[in-house]
Amino acid sequence: MVSSSPMIHIDPARTISRVDPRIYSGFTEHMGRCIYGGLYEPENPNQLADPNTGFRKDVLDVLRELNVPIFRYPGGNFVSSYRWQDGIGPKHLRPRRPELAWLTEESNLFGTDEFMQFCKEMNAEPYICLNMGTGTLEDALAWLEYCNSSANTHYANLRRANGHPEPYNVKYWSLGNEVWGPWQVGQMESHDYAKKAFQWAKALKLLDPKIQLISCGETGFTDWDRVTLKKLAPVIDYHSIHLYTVSEGNHAVNVMGPAAAEKGLEICKSLIDLAKIEAGLEKQVTVCFDEWNVWDPVRAPGEKGAEEHYDLSDALAVASWLNVFVRKADIVKIACIAQSVNVISPIITSPEGLFKQTTFYPLKLFATLMQGTSLNIHVASPQYTGKTVPEWVEKLENGNGGDEKLTKYIDVSAVLSDSKDEIRVAIVNRNATEAYTVPIRFGPVCDVLETVKVHEVWSADLKDNNGWDGERVHTVEKELPWTGEYLVKEHSFQLLVFKLK
């Protein structure tokens, strides 16, 4: 059945904020096969690794397609019992340690210097998460000195002795990972964490005033976020948020899940504003959404490597996630998909090669095309009114007016290109069975050329996935005459590029 009820209205004068390219960042954790057997495999039997660095050449080539600006490291839960000093120096002297986050063993063959080399290969900036579990402030200061100092001091000289004369100048440092979580080594109450992190921040900035600090938030909509922002807003630059969405085997639940992130960002923005008002701050504090993705821990348990095999429904959920970040460009300045290789990742490897998961394609389209200025567009759409995870999204949505709902079937973001000659529109049809003819109106003082370039991710079956036997879900490009409306297939993602007259 085809319906003509939705409508999109785009006015390029109605801007939100510039889309920060850092929202397309990545995350590499010592978890499962993300590092070992993923991006780093010096003993690869098929000569897929660079003999000088040990990095998988095929993996780095595919990651380069995503234009990743920042990589977060080394966790994640892993960092809360990680001794960074174990991962530097001659490899035959590096100790093998028990690893408490995922109950494995850590060889430490990949550490700080290898990560910095990886970032250099990727032309990306490093982002280090500090151990606030078993780690001490002294450890954190030593790590910062090792990475950034040009002085004639112990850890700076140790870096030089390890063959790296120039400082790495790591800009981004986060004050712990998910310290609020009962699964975390060193879990703390919010007030205890805030007091400790405040002291860490002061000391770290004394050693290197140029660094930017990220506080450990929760989801953006909890009291932990309120308490930590109230204390830490004067000493941080970003507030971290983590959230994963699940499908529970239900496509609608899957694709509507990012509504929780969107509402969480609205709440978090207000909490930041409140903290700034109470502290009399004029500086900018924004969100670093440094863990996000579709992840069903029942389907892909973390302790077994969290190797999700994504289908088309998951690709549409990822596209919906990315629409949220573009729409919230005023508050989200960094976002890191978790993770970059094998672990809940858009790329799966084996010793023989790799394949791109369904989620790779919307991520690449956003990273390469959804750059510029986010536009405040009007979208009319049929509404989803069923079950949501978390449940409070459904309850809040039932009290919202139609145009303000976050669970529309037609989910849209749009940008005006930096050159100001293109409008790019990302459209997800989250309805599993119904296609829609969608009028797209521009104005009041702009018009588009008579053709539109379309990048479409679609397959007939929502359960289609990619694997070693081929890619059933990928991007199809086409150029079509523009008639003023677009037929959006059921369960599809399309990115439309319009040239302005």
Protein backbone atom coordinates (compact mmCIF):
# COMPACT_ATOMS: atom_id res chain seq x y z
CA MET A 1 0.00 0.00 0.00
CA VAL A 2 1.30 3.49 -0.86
CA SER A 3 0.28 6.51 1.20
CA SER A 4 0.83 10.20 0.43
CA SER A 5 0.28 11.47 4.00
CA PRO A 6 3.87 12.36 5.00
CA MET A 7 5.48 15.66 4.01
CA ILE A 8 8.91 17.29 4.41
CA HIS A 9 9.39 21.07 4.34
CA ILE A 10 12.96 22.42 4.13
CA ASP A 11 13.97 26.05 4.50
CA PRO A 12 17.78 26.53 4.30
CA ALA A 13 17.45 29.74 6.33
CA ARG A 14 16.27 27.75 9.35
CA THR A 15 19.60 26.52 10.67
CA ILE A 16 20.41 24.64 13.89
CA SER A 17 24.20 24.46 14.04
CA ARG A 18 27.13 23.23 12.02
CA VAL A 19 27.37 19.44 12.00
CA ASP A 20 30.63 18.64 13.76
CA PRO A 21 32.53 15.99 11.74
CA ARG A 22 33.61 14.48 15.06
CA ILE A 23 30.15 12.89 15.45
CA TYR A 24 31.42 10.24 13.02
CA SER A 25 34.19 9.06 15.35
CA GLY A 26 35.15 5.52 16.34
CA PHE A 27 36.06 3.43 19.36
CA THR A 28 38.68 0.72 19.85
CA GLU A 29 38.61 -1.31 23.07
CA HIS A 30 40.55 -4.34 24.24
CA MET A 31 37.40 -6.44 23.96
CA GLY A 32 36.81 -9.56 21.91
CA ARG A 33 38.47 -9.28 18.51
CA CYS A 34 38.41 -5.51 18.16
CA ILE A 35 42.18 -5.10 18.59
CA TYR A 36 43.72 -8.57 18.33
CA GLY A 37 42.53 -10.29 15.17
CA GLY A 38 40.75 -7.10 14.14
CA LEU A 39 42.83 -4.03 13.46
CA TYR A 40 46.06 -5.62 14.77
CA GLU A 41 47.22 -9.06 13.65
CA PRO A 42 50.99 -9.15 13.05
CA GLU A 43 50.96 -12.95 12.74
CA ASN A 44 48.25 -13.02 10.08
CA PRO A 45 48.90 -16.18 8.01
CA ASN A 46 47.69 -14.60 4.76
CA GLN A 47 50.01 -11.60 4.66
CA LEU A 48 47.12 -9.21 5.32
CA ALA A 49 49.07 -7.37 8.03
CA ASP A 50 51.60 -4.63 7.43
CA PRO A 51 54.96 -6.25 8.33
CA ASN A 52 56.19 -3.03 9.97
CA THR A 53 53.18 -2.14 12.11
CA GLY A 54 51.14 -5.33 12.45
CA PHE A 55 47.97 -3.51 11.38
CA ARG A 56 45.56 -5.28 9.07
CA LYS A 57 45.93 -3.42 5.79
CA ASP A 58 42.47 -4.43 4.58
CA VAL A 59 40.84 -3.24 7.82
CA LEU A 60 42.54 0.15 7.70
CA ASP A 61 41.58 0.60 4.06
CA VAL A 62 37.91 0.02 4.85
CA LEU A 63 38.01 2.22 7.96
CA ARG A 64 39.46 5.02 5.83
CA GLU A 65 36.24 4.97 3.79
CA LEU A 66 34.45 6.22 6.91
CA ASN A 67 36.65 9.33 7.36
CA VAL A 68 36.88 8.68 11.10
CA PRO A 69 38.15 11.88 12.79
CA ILE A 70 38.74 10.53 16.35
CA PHE A 71 39.30 7.10 17.88
CA ARG A 72 38.56 6.52 21.57
CA TYR A 73 40.84 4.08 23.46
CA PRO A 74 41.38 1.73 25.38
CA GLY A 75 37.85 1.37 26.75
CA GLY A 76 35.19 0.96 27.71
CA ASN A 77 34.99 -1.31 30.68
CA PHE A 78 38.48 -2.60 29.93
CA VAL A 79 40.13 0.63 31.06
CA SER A 80 38.92 0.39 34.66
CA SER A 81 41.54 -2.22 35.53
CA TYR A 82 44.13 -1.31 32.87
CA ARG A 83 47.68 -0.43 33.83
CA TRP A 84 48.86 1.61 30.88
CA GLN A 85 52.52 1.12 31.78
CA ASP A 86 52.17 -2.59 30.87
CA GLY A 87 51.60 -1.69 27.23
CA ILE A 88 54.81 0.22 26.44
CA GLY A 89 58.43 -0.72 25.84
CA PRO A 90 59.94 -3.91 24.35
CA LYS A 91 57.12 -6.35 23.62
CA HIS A 92 58.94 -9.37 25.01
CA LEU A 93 59.09 -7.62 28.38
CA ARG A 94 55.42 -6.62 28.55
CA PRO A 95 53.56 -8.56 31.26
CA ARG A 96 50.50 -10.67 30.55
CA ARG A 97 47.71 -9.73 32.95
CA PRO A 98 44.26 -11.01 33.97
CA GLU A 99 41.61 -8.78 32.41
CA LEU A 100 38.64 -8.11 34.68
CA ALA A 101 36.08 -6.44 32.41
CA TRP A 102 35.58 -9.36 30.03
CA LEU A 103 37.33 -12.04 32.13
CA THR A 104 40.08 -12.75 29.64
CA GLU A 105 43.87 -12.30 29.55
CA GLU A 106 45.60 -9.22 28.17
CA SER A 107 48.90 -9.70 26.34
CA ASN A 108 49.68 -5.95 26.24
CA LEU A 109 51.25 -6.40 22.80
CA PHE A 110 49.11 -3.46 21.70
CA GLY A 111 49.39 -0.37 23.86
CA THR A 112 49.72 3.39 23.83
CA ASP A 113 52.44 3.69 21.18
CA GLU A 114 50.70 1.23 18.86
CA PHE A 115 47.44 3.12 19.26
CA MET A 116 49.15 6.41 18.43
CA GLN A 117 50.65 4.82 15.33
CA PHE A 118 47.21 3.55 14.34
CA CYS A 119 45.73 7.04 14.68
CA LYS A 120 48.56 8.43 12.57
CA GLU A 121 47.87 5.83 9.88
CA MET A 122 44.18 6.77 9.97
CA ASN A 123 44.82 10.54 10.01
CA ALA A 124 42.65 10.62 13.14
CA GLU A 125 43.02 12.23 16.55
CA PRO A 126 43.54 9.98 19.60
CA TYR A 127 41.14 10.13 22.55
CA ILE A 128 42.26 8.43 25.77
CA CYS A 129 39.95 7.26 28.53
CA LEU A 130 41.61 7.26 31.97
CA ASN A 131 41.42 4.43 34.50
CA MET A 132 39.40 5.68 37.46
CA GLY A 133 38.85 2.16 38.76
CA THR A 134 42.14 0.64 39.86
CA GLY A 135 44.11 3.62 38.55
CA THR A 136 45.42 6.53 40.58
CA LEU A 137 45.80 10.21 39.82
CA GLU A 138 49.54 9.59 39.76
CA ASP A 139 49.02 6.99 36.99
CA ALA A 140 46.86 9.42 35.04
CA LEU A 141 49.41 12.21 35.29
CA ALA A 142 52.16 9.82 34.21
CA TRP A 143 50.14 8.78 31.14
CA LEU A 144 49.51 12.41 30.23
CA GLU A 145 53.21 13.20 30.68
CA TYR A 146 54.19 10.21 28.53
CA CYS A 147 51.86 11.31 25.73
CA ASN A 148 52.14 15.08 25.76
CA SER A 149 55.20 16.36 27.57
CA SER A 150 58.25 17.84 25.86
CA ALA A 151 60.03 18.37 29.17
CA ASN A 152 63.18 16.65 30.45
CA THR A 153 61.16 14.49 32.87
CA HIS A 154 60.86 10.78 33.56
CA TYR A 155 57.84 9.70 31.50
CA ALA A 156 58.59 12.09 28.64
CA ASN A 157 62.09 10.62 28.52
CA LEU A 158 60.65 7.11 28.72
CA ARG A 159 58.60 7.84 25.60
CA ARG A 160 61.76 9.04 23.87
CA ALA A 161 63.61 5.92 25.00
CA ASN A 162 60.83 3.84 23.46
CA GLY A 163 61.53 5.43 20.09
CA HIS A 164 59.06 8.32 20.02
CA PRO A 165 60.95 11.61 20.41
CA GLU A 166 58.02 13.95 19.72
CA PRO A 167 55.00 14.35 22.01
CA TYR A 168 51.73 12.87 20.76
CA ASN A 169 49.76 15.94 21.89
CA VAL A 170 46.63 13.99 22.80
CA LYS A 171 43.84 16.55 23.10
CA TYR A 172 40.93 14.48 24.46
CA TRP A 173 41.00 12.78 27.89
CA SER A 174 37.99 11.36 29.68
CA LEU A 175 37.68 11.02 33.43
CA GLY A 176 36.77 7.35 33.67
CA ASN A 177 34.29 5.07 31.97
CA GLU A 178 30.77 4.21 33.21
CA VAL A 179 31.88 4.66 36.82
CA TRP A 180 28.20 4.56 37.77
CA GLY A 181 27.80 0.93 36.58
CA PRO A 182 27.74 -2.10 38.93
CA TRP A 183 29.72 -4.04 36.31
CA GLN A 184 32.55 -1.52 36.58
CA VAL A 185 35.73 -2.12 38.56
CA GLY A 186 35.78 0.81 40.97
CA GLN A 187 32.08 1.74 40.78
CA MET A 188 31.28 4.93 42.70
CA GLU A 189 28.30 6.96 43.85
CA SER A 190 27.73 10.15 41.88
CA HIS A 191 28.89 12.59 44.58
CA ASP A 192 32.02 10.53 45.27
CA TYR A 193 32.90 10.37 41.59
CA ALA A 194 32.27 14.09 41.09
CA LYS A 195 34.56 15.08 43.98
CA LYS A 196 37.33 12.76 42.78
CA ALA A 197 37.04 13.74 39.12
CA PHE A 198 37.15 17.43 40.05
CA GLN A 199 40.53 16.95 41.72
CA TRP A 200 41.83 14.88 38.82
CA ALA A 201 40.74 17.57 36.36
CA LYS A 202 42.57 20.30 38.26
CA ALA A 203 45.81 18.30 38.34
CA LEU A 204 45.63 17.20 34.71
CA LYS A 205 45.09 20.77 33.54
CA LEU A 206 48.07 21.92 35.61
CA LEU A 207 50.28 19.47 33.73
CA ASP A 208 48.81 20.32 30.32
CA PRO A 209 46.37 23.26 30.15
CA LYS A 210 45.64 22.61 26.47
CA ILE A 211 43.86 19.28 26.93
CA GLN A 212 40.08 18.94 26.75
CA LEU A 213 38.40 16.90 29.47
CA ILE A 214 35.29 14.74 29.25
CA SER A 215 33.28 13.89 32.35
CA CYS A 216 31.77 10.45 32.84
CA GLY A 217 28.05 10.87 32.34
CA GLU A 218 25.42 8.16 32.13
CA THR A 219 22.57 8.44 29.62
CA GLY A 220 21.90 12.17 29.88
CA PHE A 221 18.56 11.63 31.61
CA THR A 222 19.61 10.41 35.07
CA ASP A 223 20.36 12.00 38.41
CA TRP A 224 24.00 10.92 37.93
CA ASP A 225 24.19 13.36 35.03
CA ARG A 226 22.69 16.16 37.13
CA VAL A 227 25.03 15.64 40.09
CA THR A 228 28.22 15.25 38.07
CA LEU A 229 27.49 18.21 35.80
CA LYS A 230 26.74 20.45 38.79
CA LYS A 231 30.19 19.73 40.22
CA LEU A 232 32.29 19.26 37.09
CA ALA A 233 30.94 21.83 34.61
CA PRO A 234 33.61 24.40 35.61
CA VAL A 235 36.50 22.01 34.80
CA ILE A 236 35.30 20.00 31.79
CA ASP A 237 34.70 20.64 28.11
CA TYR A 238 32.35 17.73 27.29
CA HIS A 239 29.93 15.48 29.14
CA SER A 240 29.95 11.85 28.07
CA ILE A 241 26.76 9.89 27.33
CA HIS A 242 26.45 6.15 26.64
CA LEU A 243 23.38 4.41 25.28
CA TYR A 244 22.71 1.28 23.27
CA THR A 245 19.43 0.30 21.68
CA VAL A 246 18.07 -3.24 21.37
CA SER A 247 15.66 -4.92 19.01
CA GLU A 248 14.24 -7.72 21.20
CA GLY A 249 13.49 -9.36 17.85
CA ASN A 250 11.06 -6.56 17.00
CA HIS A 251 11.86 -4.24 14.08
CA ALA A 252 9.74 -1.35 15.36
CA VAL A 253 11.39 -1.48 18.79
CA ASN A 254 14.75 -1.54 17.04
CA VAL A 255 14.29 1.50 14.82
CA MET A 256 12.39 3.57 17.37
CA GLY A 257 15.05 3.02 20.06
CA PRO A 258 17.11 6.13 19.16
CA ALA A 259 14.17 8.28 20.34
CA ALA A 260 15.50 7.64 23.87
CA ALA A 261 18.84 9.19 22.87
CA GLU A 262 17.11 12.21 21.34
CA LYS A 263 15.05 12.83 24.45
CA GLY A 264 18.10 12.17 26.60
CA LEU A 265 20.03 14.84 24.71
CA GLU A 266 17.26 17.37 25.25
CA ILE A 267 17.30 16.63 28.99
CA CYS A 268 21.11 16.69 29.14
CA LYS A 269 21.25 20.04 27.37
CA SER A 270 18.97 21.45 30.06
CA LEU A 271 21.11 19.92 32.82
CA ILE A 272 24.21 21.52 31.27
CA ASP A 273 22.43 24.87 31.10
CA LEU A 274 21.36 24.53 34.73
CA ALA A 275 24.92 23.69 35.83
CA LYS A 276 26.28 26.67 33.90
CA ILE A 277 23.71 29.03 35.40
CA GLU A 278 24.42 27.85 38.95
CA ALA A 279 28.19 28.13 38.45
CA GLY A 280 28.01 31.42 36.54
CA LEU A 281 29.78 29.89 33.54
CA GLU A 282 29.93 31.41 30.08
CA LYS A 283 32.08 28.72 28.43
CA GLN A 284 30.68 26.04 26.15
CA VAL A 285 30.02 22.55 27.53
CA THR A 286 28.66 20.04 25.03
CA VAL A 287 28.02 16.31 24.72
CA CYS A 288 30.50 13.62 23.77
CA PHE A 289 28.25 10.63 22.95
CA ASP A 290 31.22 8.29 23.04
CA GLU A 291 29.41 4.94 23.05
CA TRP A 292 26.34 4.29 20.93
CA ASN A 293 25.06 1.53 18.68
CA VAL A 294 22.54 -1.24 18.27
CA TRP A 295 23.54 -4.01 20.67
CA ASP A 296 21.48 -6.88 21.99
CA PRO A 297 23.61 -8.48 24.75
CA VAL A 298 21.43 -11.60 24.62
CA ARG A 299 22.12 -12.02 20.91
CA ALA A 300 25.81 -11.07 21.21
CA PRO A 301 27.09 -11.38 24.81
CA GLY A 302 29.97 -9.08 25.74
CA GLU A 303 31.89 -11.85 27.47
CA LYS A 304 31.85 -13.78 24.19
CA GLY A 305 33.14 -10.88 22.11
CA ALA A 306 29.85 -9.13 21.24
CA GLU A 307 30.08 -10.04 17.56
CA GLU A 308 26.71 -8.87 16.32
CA HIS A 309 25.71 -9.91 12.81
CA TYR A 310 23.54 -7.03 11.71
CA ASP A 311 20.57 -7.16 9.34
CA LEU A 312 18.72 -4.47 7.39
CA SER A 313 16.62 -3.53 10.42
CA ASP A 314 19.81 -2.77 12.32
CA ALA A 315 21.10 -0.63 9.45
CA LEU A 316 17.91 1.43 9.60
CA ALA A 317 18.31 1.78 13.37
CA VAL A 318 21.87 3.08 12.87
CA ALA A 319 20.59 5.56 10.28
CA SER A 320 17.98 6.71 12.82
CA TRP A 321 20.74 7.15 15.41
CA LEU A 322 22.72 9.31 13.01
CA ASN A 323 19.65 11.40 12.19
CA VAL A 324 19.43 12.18 15.92
CA PHE A 325 23.03 13.42 16.03
CA VAL A 326 22.51 15.66 12.98
CA ARG A 327 19.29 17.09 14.39
CA LYS A 328 21.03 17.71 17.73
CA ALA A 329 24.10 19.30 16.15
CA ASP A 330 23.86 22.19 18.61
CA ILE A 331 24.69 19.97 21.60
CA VAL A 332 26.40 16.82 20.22
CA LYS A 333 29.93 17.65 19.07
CA ILE A 334 31.58 14.22 19.37
CA ALA A 335 30.07 10.74 18.99
CA CYS A 336 31.91 7.41 18.83
CA ILE A 337 30.22 4.33 17.42
CA ALA A 338 31.05 1.32 19.55
CA GLN A 339 33.06 -0.33 18.20
CA SER A 340 35.21 -0.06 15.07
CA VAL A 341 36.11 -3.69 14.24
CA ASN A 342 34.36 -7.02 14.98
CA VAL A 343 32.80 -6.00 18.31
CA ILE A 344 29.27 -4.68 17.58
CA SER A 345 30.96 -3.26 14.52
CA PRO A 346 30.31 -2.35 10.88
CA ILE A 347 33.28 -4.55 9.88
CA ILE A 348 33.80 -8.29 10.52
CA THR A 349 37.16 -9.95 9.89
CA SER A 350 38.65 -13.40 9.62
CA PRO A 351 42.28 -14.37 8.98
CA GLU A 352 41.31 -14.57 5.29
CA GLY A 353 39.58 -11.22 4.85
CA LEU A 354 36.61 -9.10 5.93
CA PHE A 355 33.10 -8.07 4.99
CA LYS A 356 31.11 -4.89 5.52
CA GLN A 357 28.04 -5.28 7.67
CA THR A 358 24.71 -3.71 6.77
CA THR A 359 25.39 -0.88 9.24
CA PHE A 360 28.54 0.14 7.35
CA TYR A 361 26.54 1.70 4.53
CA PRO A 362 24.42 4.29 6.36
CA LEU A 363 27.47 5.16 8.49
CA LYS A 364 29.56 5.81 5.38
CA LEU A 365 26.83 7.87 3.72
CA PHE A 366 26.43 10.09 6.77
CA ALA A 367 30.17 10.46 7.32
CA THR A 368 30.83 11.47 3.72
CA LEU A 369 27.68 13.45 2.85
CA MET A 370 25.95 14.72 5.99
CA GLN A 371 28.46 17.48 6.57
CA GLY A 372 27.60 21.16 6.69
CA THR A 373 24.88 22.96 8.64
CA SER A 374 22.00 21.08 10.21
CA LEU A 375 18.61 22.40 9.17
CA ASN A 376 15.50 22.73 11.30
CA ILE A 377 13.02 21.02 9.00
CA HIS A 378 9.34 20.27 9.35
CA VAL A 379 8.31 16.62 8.97
CA ALA A 380 4.74 15.40 8.97
CA SER A 381 4.50 11.63 9.28
CA PRO A 382 2.31 8.79 10.47
CA GLN A 383 3.18 7.89 14.06
CA TYR A 384 4.29 4.66 15.64
CA THR A 385 2.37 4.05 18.86
CA GLY A 386 3.51 0.61 19.96
CA LYS A 387 6.04 -0.73 22.45
CA THR A 388 9.36 1.08 22.97
CA VAL A 389 12.54 0.16 24.81
CA PRO A 390 12.94 1.90 27.21
CA GLU A 391 9.25 2.03 28.06
CA TRP A 392 9.29 5.68 29.14
CA VAL A 393 9.69 6.77 25.51
CA GLU A 394 6.25 5.38 24.73
CA LYS A 395 4.75 7.03 27.82
CA LEU A 396 6.26 10.43 27.01
CA GLU A 397 5.28 10.17 23.37
CA ASN A 398 1.66 9.53 24.29
CA GLY A 399 1.62 12.96 25.90
CA ASN A 400 3.25 14.80 22.97
CA GLY A 401 1.55 16.56 20.11
CA GLY A 402 1.78 14.95 16.68
CA ASP A 403 4.52 17.09 15.13
CA GLU A 404 6.69 16.87 18.25
CA LYS A 405 6.74 13.09 18.49
CA LEU A 406 10.09 11.34 18.18
CA THR A 407 8.61 8.05 16.93
CA LYS A 408 7.56 9.08 13.44
CA TYR A 409 7.72 6.42 10.75
CA ILE A 410 9.39 8.92 8.41
CA ASP A 411 12.55 9.97 10.23
CA VAL A 412 14.53 12.80 8.62
CA SER A 413 17.56 15.03 9.00
CA ALA A 414 18.92 17.54 6.50
CA VAL A 415 22.03 19.65 5.98
CA LEU A 416 23.04 22.60 3.87
CA SER A 417 26.47 21.81 2.43
CA ASP A 418 29.44 23.98 3.39
CA SER A 419 29.55 25.22 -0.20
CA LYS A 420 25.86 26.22 0.23
CA ASP A 421 24.97 24.78 -3.15
CA GLU A 422 23.46 21.46 -1.99
CA ILE A 423 20.79 20.29 0.42
CA ARG A 424 21.22 16.70 1.55
CA VAL A 425 18.27 14.91 3.08
CA ALA A 426 18.58 11.64 5.03
CA ILE A 427 15.26 9.77 5.15
CA VAL A 428 14.55 6.55 7.04
CA ASN A 429 11.22 4.84 6.44
CA ARG A 430 10.91 2.85 9.65
CA ASN A 431 7.62 1.24 8.64
CA ALA A 432 8.21 -2.46 7.98
CA THR A 433 5.45 -2.87 5.41
CA GLU A 434 4.26 0.47 4.03
CA ALA A 435 5.84 2.70 1.39
CA TYR A 436 5.06 6.41 1.27
CA THR A 437 4.98 9.05 -1.42
CA VAL A 438 6.63 11.98 0.34
CA PRO A 439 6.34 15.54 -1.02
CA ILE A 440 9.47 17.57 -0.29
CA ARG A 441 8.95 21.32 -0.33
CA PHE A 442 11.75 23.89 -0.42
CA GLY A 443 11.42 27.52 0.35
CA PRO A 444 10.27 30.04 0.61
CA VAL A 445 13.20 31.57 -1.25
CA CYS A 446 15.08 28.61 -2.71
CA ASP A 447 14.57 26.06 -5.44
CA VAL A 448 16.38 22.94 -6.63
CA LEU A 449 17.46 21.58 -9.98
CA GLU A 450 15.36 19.16 -11.99
CA THR A 451 17.29 16.05 -10.95
CA VAL A 452 18.13 14.46 -7.60
CA LYS A 453 20.96 12.08 -6.75
CA VAL A 454 19.80 9.20 -4.56
CA HIS A 455 21.86 6.89 -2.35
CA GLU A 456 19.59 4.05 -1.26
CA VAL A 457 20.05 1.24 1.27
CA TRP A 458 17.25 -1.29 0.92
CA SER A 459 16.50 -4.97 0.53
CA ALA A 460 13.25 -6.85 0.15
CA ASP A 461 13.65 -8.68 3.47
CA LEU A 462 14.28 -6.85 6.74
CA LYS A 463 16.28 -9.85 7.95
CA ASP A 464 18.73 -9.72 5.06
CA ASN A 465 22.31 -9.39 6.25
CA ASN A 466 25.82 -9.49 4.84
CA GLY A 467 28.36 -12.24 5.31
CA TRP A 468 31.08 -14.34 3.78
CA ASP A 469 28.60 -15.48 1.12
CA GLY A 470 28.01 -11.92 -0.13
CA GLU A 471 26.48 -8.55 0.64
CA ARG A 472 22.71 -8.48 0.28
CA VAL A 473 22.48 -4.99 1.80
CA HIS A 474 24.55 -2.16 0.34
CA THR A 475 24.21 1.29 -1.23
CA VAL A 476 22.64 1.74 -4.66
CA GLU A 477 23.19 5.08 -6.38
CA LYS A 478 20.89 6.57 -9.00
CA GLU A 479 19.97 9.91 -10.49
CA LEU A 480 16.29 10.65 -11.04
CA PRO A 481 14.14 13.45 -12.42
CA TRP A 482 12.82 15.58 -9.56
CA THR A 483 9.04 15.84 -9.56
CA GLY A 484 8.55 17.39 -6.12
CA GLU A 485 7.93 14.12 -4.31
CA TYR A 486 9.79 10.90 -3.65
CA LEU A 487 8.50 7.34 -3.32
CA VAL A 488 10.12 6.04 -0.14
CA LYS A 489 10.13 2.26 -0.09
CA GLU A 490 9.07 0.31 2.98
CA HIS A 491 11.91 -0.32 5.50
CA SER A 492 14.45 1.77 3.62
CA PHE A 493 17.10 4.41 4.04
CA GLN A 494 17.87 6.96 1.36
CA LEU A 495 20.08 10.01 1.24
CA LEU A 496 18.88 12.54 -1.36
CA VAL A 497 21.26 15.18 -2.71
CA PHE A 498 19.61 18.26 -4.24
CA LYS A 499 21.49 20.94 -6.12
CA LEU A 500 20.25 24.45 -5.42
CA LYS A 501 19.50 26.74 -8.33
